[in-house]
Amino acid sequence: MKKTFLFTILVLLLVFSACSQKTPEPGVETSAFEFEPKLTMHEPGKVVLKLGITNTSNADQTKGEDADIRAVVTDEDGEIRNQMTIVDRPEISAGETVFPLTYEAIYDMGSYTMSITGEGVQPLSVSFEIREIDGTLNLAAHPGYIDPHTGFTIDDSDL
């Protein structure tokens, strides 16, 4: 009887210790990154894509090796138009956004999607279009992704 009682107590202690909530040590913060791409068009038809990464944590983050960040631009048929890769994530101070990659590409009229993935970062898809207005090609995208706004950009909150 005593052995059964002791065994039950030990099992309960083991279960309770396994279920206890783990709290992080004071001063230790996990990293939190978000993609923050920027698109613009400085001249008709030529899109400038800047791949931004924001450190949303309160701690500076050191360089991250093997981050394997990829941005893939596909057209409306799903065909790959461009691919960009960053192997290592640069150092990013708390609250800072860095743009480790800038890419220029010429696109025809149509709809496109830029899909961004990377180790430890929530994936992001950004839709944009190339529209012809009065014979000039313009970039249309959600205003949060256009920077800077130029004479060849169109804000479209529906994208």
C-alpha atoms as a PDB file:
ATOM      1  CA  MET A   1       0.000   0.000   0.000  1.00  0.00           C
ATOM      2  CA  LYS A   2       2.787   2.404   0.950  1.00  0.00           C
ATOM      3  CA  LYS A   3       4.663   1.602  -2.243  1.00  0.00           C
ATOM      4  CA  THR A   4       1.588   2.308  -4.351  1.00  0.00           C
ATOM      5  CA  PHE A   5       0.984   5.591  -2.528  1.00  0.00           C
ATOM      6  CA  LEU A   6       4.622   6.702  -2.982  1.00  0.00           C
ATOM      7  CA  PHE A   7       4.596   5.664  -6.614  1.00  0.00           C
ATOM      8  CA  THR A   8       1.385   7.670  -7.214  1.00  0.00           C
ATOM      9  CA  ILE A   9       2.897  10.747  -5.550  1.00  0.00           C
ATOM     10  CA  LEU A  10       6.043  10.464  -7.691  1.00  0.00           C
ATOM     11  CA  VAL A  11       4.002  10.121 -10.879  1.00  0.00           C
ATOM     12  CA  LEU A  12       1.875  13.151  -9.949  1.00  0.00           C
ATOM     13  CA  LEU A  13       4.992  15.238  -9.216  1.00  0.00           C
ATOM     14  CA  LEU A  14       6.462  14.225 -12.551  1.00  0.00           C
ATOM     15  CA  VAL A  15       3.262  15.143 -14.404  1.00  0.00           C
ATOM     16  CA  PHE A  16       2.900  18.501 -12.626  1.00  0.00           C
ATOM     17  CA  SER A  17       6.522  19.451 -13.249  1.00  0.00           C
ATOM     18  CA  ALA A  18       6.159  18.606 -16.947  1.00  0.00           C
ATOM     19  CA  CYS A  19       3.036  20.782 -17.195  1.00  0.00           C
ATOM     20  CA  SER A  20       4.462  23.794 -15.419  1.00  0.00           C
ATOM     21  CA  GLN A  21       4.667  26.985 -17.447  1.00  0.00           C
ATOM     22  CA  LYS A  22       8.179  27.900 -18.447  1.00  0.00           C
ATOM     23  CA  THR A  23       8.924  31.609 -18.104  1.00  0.00           C
ATOM     24  CA  PRO A  24      11.867  33.163 -19.914  1.00  0.00           C
ATOM     25  CA  GLU A  25      14.774  34.492 -17.907  1.00  0.00           C
ATOM     26  CA  PRO A  26      14.652  38.232 -17.307  1.00  0.00           C
ATOM     27  CA  GLY A  27      16.560  40.164 -19.962  1.00  0.00           C
ATOM     28  CA  VAL A  28      16.370  37.351 -22.521  1.00  0.00           C
ATOM     29  CA  GLU A  29      14.159  38.112 -25.481  1.00  0.00           C
ATOM     30  CA  THR A  30      13.414  35.998 -28.492  1.00  0.00           C
ATOM     31  CA  SER A  31      13.820  37.544 -31.915  1.00  0.00           C
ATOM     32  CA  ALA A  32      10.830  38.670 -33.899  1.00  0.00           C
ATOM     33  CA  PHE A  33      11.211  39.497 -37.565  1.00  0.00           C
ATOM     34  CA  GLU A  34       8.743  40.603 -40.211  1.00  0.00           C
ATOM     35  CA  PHE A  35       9.204  41.117 -43.925  1.00  0.00           C
ATOM     36  CA  GLU A  36       8.670  44.687 -45.066  1.00  0.00           C
ATOM     37  CA  PRO A  37       9.151  44.867 -48.836  1.00  0.00           C
ATOM     38  CA  LYS A  38       9.005  48.144 -50.734  1.00  0.00           C
ATOM     39  CA  LEU A  39       8.164  48.536 -54.411  1.00  0.00           C
ATOM     40  CA  THR A  40       8.414  51.569 -56.643  1.00  0.00           C
ATOM     41  CA  MET A  41       8.806  52.635 -60.250  1.00  0.00           C
ATOM     42  CA  HIS A  42      11.196  55.492 -61.041  1.00  0.00           C
ATOM     43  CA  GLU A  43      10.756  55.140 -64.798  1.00  0.00           C
ATOM     44  CA  PRO A  44       7.931  53.573 -66.832  1.00  0.00           C
ATOM     45  CA  GLY A  45       7.956  49.778 -66.782  1.00  0.00           C
ATOM     46  CA  LYS A  46      10.991  49.272 -64.489  1.00  0.00           C
ATOM     47  CA  VAL A  47       9.978  48.034 -61.036  1.00  0.00           C
ATOM     48  CA  VAL A  48      12.361  48.420 -58.096  1.00  0.00           C
ATOM     49  CA  LEU A  49      11.873  45.725 -55.432  1.00  0.00           C
ATOM     50  CA  LYS A  50      13.512  46.257 -52.032  1.00  0.00           C
ATOM     51  CA  LEU A  51      13.398  43.299 -49.663  1.00  0.00           C
ATOM     52  CA  GLY A  52      13.047  44.696 -46.135  1.00  0.00           C
ATOM     53  CA  ILE A  53      13.321  42.849 -42.830  1.00  0.00           C
ATOM     54  CA  THR A  54      12.140  44.487 -39.596  1.00  0.00           C
ATOM     55  CA  ASN A  55      13.269  43.512 -36.101  1.00  0.00           C
ATOM     56  CA  THR A  56      10.092  43.941 -34.050  1.00  0.00           C
ATOM     57  CA  SER A  57      11.716  42.841 -30.791  1.00  0.00           C
ATOM     58  CA  ASN A  58      13.265  45.069 -28.118  1.00  0.00           C
ATOM     59  CA  ALA A  59      16.686  43.471 -28.539  1.00  0.00           C
ATOM     60  CA  ASP A  60      19.376  43.903 -31.175  1.00  0.00           C
ATOM     61  CA  GLN A  61      19.769  40.802 -33.331  1.00  0.00           C
ATOM     62  CA  THR A  62      23.122  39.571 -34.558  1.00  0.00           C
ATOM     63  CA  LYS A  63      23.778  38.344 -38.069  1.00  0.00           C
ATOM     64  CA  GLY A  64      21.779  35.194 -38.822  1.00  0.00           C
ATOM     65  CA  GLU A  65      23.551  32.597 -40.888  1.00  0.00           C
ATOM     66  CA  ASP A  66      21.615  30.174 -43.079  1.00  0.00           C
ATOM     67  CA  ALA A  67      18.499  32.370 -42.964  1.00  0.00           C
ATOM     68  CA  ASP A  68      17.707  31.265 -46.541  1.00  0.00           C
ATOM     69  CA  ILE A  69      15.409  34.188 -47.366  1.00  0.00           C
ATOM     70  CA  ARG A  70      13.760  33.845 -50.781  1.00  0.00           C
ATOM     71  CA  ALA A  71      11.613  36.203 -52.779  1.00  0.00           C
ATOM     72  CA  VAL A  72       9.910  34.739 -55.842  1.00  0.00           C
ATOM     73  CA  VAL A  73       7.873  36.819 -58.285  1.00  0.00           C
ATOM     74  CA  THR A  74       5.272  34.921 -60.295  1.00  0.00           C
ATOM     75  CA  ASP A  75       2.887  36.125 -62.975  1.00  0.00           C
ATOM     76  CA  GLU A  76      -0.858  35.497 -63.068  1.00  0.00           C
ATOM     77  CA  ASP A  77      -0.277  32.071 -64.687  1.00  0.00           C
ATOM     78  CA  GLY A  78       2.032  31.029 -61.835  1.00  0.00           C
ATOM     79  CA  GLU A  79       5.162  31.224 -64.003  1.00  0.00           C
ATOM     80  CA  ILE A  80       8.275  32.365 -62.141  1.00  0.00           C
ATOM     81  CA  ARG A  81       9.500  35.722 -63.406  1.00  0.00           C
ATOM     82  CA  ASN A  82      12.284  36.420 -60.874  1.00  0.00           C
ATOM     83  CA  GLN A  83      13.914  34.752 -57.881  1.00  0.00           C
ATOM     84  CA  MET A  84      16.067  36.435 -55.250  1.00  0.00           C
ATOM     85  CA  THR A  85      17.872  34.758 -52.354  1.00  0.00           C
ATOM     86  CA  ILE A  86      19.632  36.055 -49.257  1.00  0.00           C
ATOM     87  CA  VAL A  87      21.664  33.367 -47.529  1.00  0.00           C
ATOM     88  CA  ASP A  88      22.575  35.291 -44.346  1.00  0.00           C
ATOM     89  CA  ARG A  89      20.377  37.799 -42.525  1.00  0.00           C
ATOM     90  CA  PRO A  90      22.289  40.973 -41.572  1.00  0.00           C
ATOM     91  CA  GLU A  91      22.482  42.425 -38.062  1.00  0.00           C
ATOM     92  CA  ILE A  92      19.304  44.323 -37.218  1.00  0.00           C
ATOM     93  CA  SER A  93      18.957  46.682 -34.260  1.00  0.00           C
ATOM     94  CA  ALA A  94      15.788  46.693 -32.172  1.00  0.00           C
ATOM     95  CA  GLY A  95      12.933  48.321 -34.074  1.00  0.00           C
ATOM     96  CA  GLU A  96      15.064  48.808 -37.200  1.00  0.00           C
ATOM     97  CA  THR A  97      14.318  47.798 -40.792  1.00  0.00           C
ATOM     98  CA  VAL A  98      17.137  46.847 -43.132  1.00  0.00           C
ATOM     99  CA  PHE A  99      17.002  46.328 -46.886  1.00  0.00           C
ATOM    100  CA  PRO A 100      19.701  43.764 -47.730  1.00  0.00           C
ATOM    101  CA  LEU A 101      18.543  43.298 -51.327  1.00  0.00           C
ATOM    102  CA  THR A 102      17.383  45.681 -54.054  1.00  0.00           C
ATOM    103  CA  TYR A 103      16.392  44.333 -57.441  1.00  0.00           C
ATOM    104  CA  GLU A 104      15.203  46.018 -60.633  1.00  0.00           C
ATOM    105  CA  ALA A 105      13.093  44.234 -63.221  1.00  0.00           C
ATOM    106  CA  ILE A 106      11.047  45.121 -66.275  1.00  0.00           C
ATOM    107  CA  TYR A 107       7.547  43.667 -66.340  1.00  0.00           C
ATOM    108  CA  ASP A 108       4.821  43.631 -68.985  1.00  0.00           C
ATOM    109  CA  MET A 109       1.247  44.620 -68.218  1.00  0.00           C
ATOM    110  CA  GLY A 110      -0.387  42.109 -65.903  1.00  0.00           C
ATOM    111  CA  SER A 111      -0.740  40.866 -62.343  1.00  0.00           C
ATOM    112  CA  TYR A 112       2.152  39.569 -60.255  1.00  0.00           C
ATOM    113  CA  THR A 113       2.743  38.144 -56.785  1.00  0.00           C
ATOM    114  CA  MET A 114       5.944  38.377 -54.780  1.00  0.00           C
ATOM    115  CA  SER A 115       6.159  35.569 -52.205  1.00  0.00           C
ATOM    116  CA  ILE A 116       8.778  35.941 -49.474  1.00  0.00           C
ATOM    117  CA  THR A 117       9.881  33.153 -47.130  1.00  0.00           C
ATOM    118  CA  GLY A 118      12.729  32.718 -44.675  1.00  0.00           C
ATOM    119  CA  GLU A 119      13.929  30.852 -41.627  1.00  0.00           C
ATOM    120  CA  GLY A 120      12.140  32.143 -38.524  1.00  0.00           C
ATOM    121  CA  VAL A 121      10.037  34.753 -40.356  1.00  0.00           C
ATOM    122  CA  GLN A 122       6.316  34.591 -41.166  1.00  0.00           C
ATOM    123  CA  PRO A 123       5.882  34.176 -44.981  1.00  0.00           C
ATOM    124  CA  LEU A 124       4.443  37.134 -46.885  1.00  0.00           C
ATOM    125  CA  SER A 125       2.797  37.511 -50.308  1.00  0.00           C
ATOM    126  CA  VAL A 126       2.502  40.887 -51.994  1.00  0.00           C
ATOM    127  CA  SER A 127       0.328  41.395 -55.076  1.00  0.00           C
ATOM    128  CA  PHE A 128       1.057  44.112 -57.603  1.00  0.00           C
ATOM    129  CA  GLU A 129       0.067  44.991 -61.140  1.00  0.00           C
ATOM    130  CA  ILE A 130       1.594  46.736 -64.113  1.00  0.00           C
ATOM    131  CA  ARG A 131      -1.046  48.919 -65.725  1.00  0.00           C
ATOM    132  CA  GLU A 132      -0.919  51.025 -68.852  1.00  0.00           C
ATOM    133  CA  ILE A 133      -2.387  54.500 -68.460  1.00  0.00           C
ATOM    134  CA  ASP A 134      -2.222  56.944 -71.373  1.00  0.00           C
ATOM    135  CA  GLY A 135       0.433  54.792 -73.051  1.00  0.00           C
ATOM    136  CA  THR A 136       2.706  54.697 -69.958  1.00  0.00           C
ATOM    137  CA  LEU A 137       3.338  51.633 -67.769  1.00  0.00           C
ATOM    138  CA  ASN A 138       2.632  52.188 -64.061  1.00  0.00           C
ATOM    139  CA  LEU A 139       3.039  50.114 -60.900  1.00  0.00           C
ATOM    140  CA  ALA A 140      -0.156  49.514 -58.909  1.00  0.00           C
ATOM    141  CA  ALA A 141       0.179  48.091 -55.392  1.00  0.00           C
ATOM    142  CA  HIS A 142      -1.141  48.447 -51.871  1.00  0.00           C
ATOM    143  CA  PRO A 143       0.012  51.873 -50.602  1.00  0.00           C
ATOM    144  CA  GLY A 144       1.786  50.254 -47.634  1.00  0.00           C
ATOM    145  CA  TYR A 145       4.221  48.579 -50.015  1.00  0.00           C
ATOM    146  CA  ILE A 146       4.950  51.536 -52.324  1.00  0.00           C
ATOM    147  CA  ASP A 147       7.978  53.604 -51.302  1.00  0.00           C
ATOM    148  CA  PRO A 148       8.641  56.120 -52.559  1.00  0.00           C
ATOM    149  CA  HIS A 149       5.504  57.164 -54.371  1.00  0.00           C
ATOM    150  CA  THR A 150       6.412  58.511 -57.809  1.00  0.00           C
ATOM    151  CA  GLY A 151       4.565  59.646 -60.917  1.00  0.00           C
ATOM    152  CA  PHE A 152       4.574  56.021 -62.071  1.00  0.00           C
ATOM    153  CA  THR A 153       2.923  54.439 -59.008  1.00  0.00           C
ATOM    154  CA  ILE A 154      -0.743  53.907 -58.254  1.00  0.00           C
ATOM    155  CA  ASP A 155      -2.160  53.205 -54.779  1.00  0.00           C
ATOM    156  CA  ASP A 156      -4.613  50.322 -54.844  1.00  0.00           C
ATOM    157  CA  SER A 157      -5.772  49.176 -51.406  1.00  0.00           C
ATOM    158  CA  ASP A 158      -7.467  46.144 -52.971  1.00  0.00           C
ATOM    159  CA  LEU A 159      -4.146  44.560 -53.942  1.00  0.00           C
END
